[in-house]
């Protein structure tokens, strides 16, 4: 897994501040299909937020740990029920955030 410096994490947190969560973890929890959708969204956007619903059997830290151990997704931040996730896009045309991040 690619580790980020403190400055890079700070940059990503600032970029994610105005984002709205586009995925949710509910009662069904985490499935392989859900993880694939997260990866697809990260290929398009590189930086997303995920909301863990209060009715879920999972805590945000549990979801973050699962994603960090089983995928190449970098968990930038966990605040309350919200996770900020980052992964460099495989497609050159979608690498806006990672291009800025590389310059830090």
Foldseek 3Di string as FASTA:
>chain_A
DDDADPVLLVVLCVVCVPADAPEEAAQVGDDPVNVVVVLVVCLQAQKHKYFYDPRYPDACVVVQVCCVVPHPWHFSDDDGRMTIIGDAHPDPVRRPSVVVSVVD
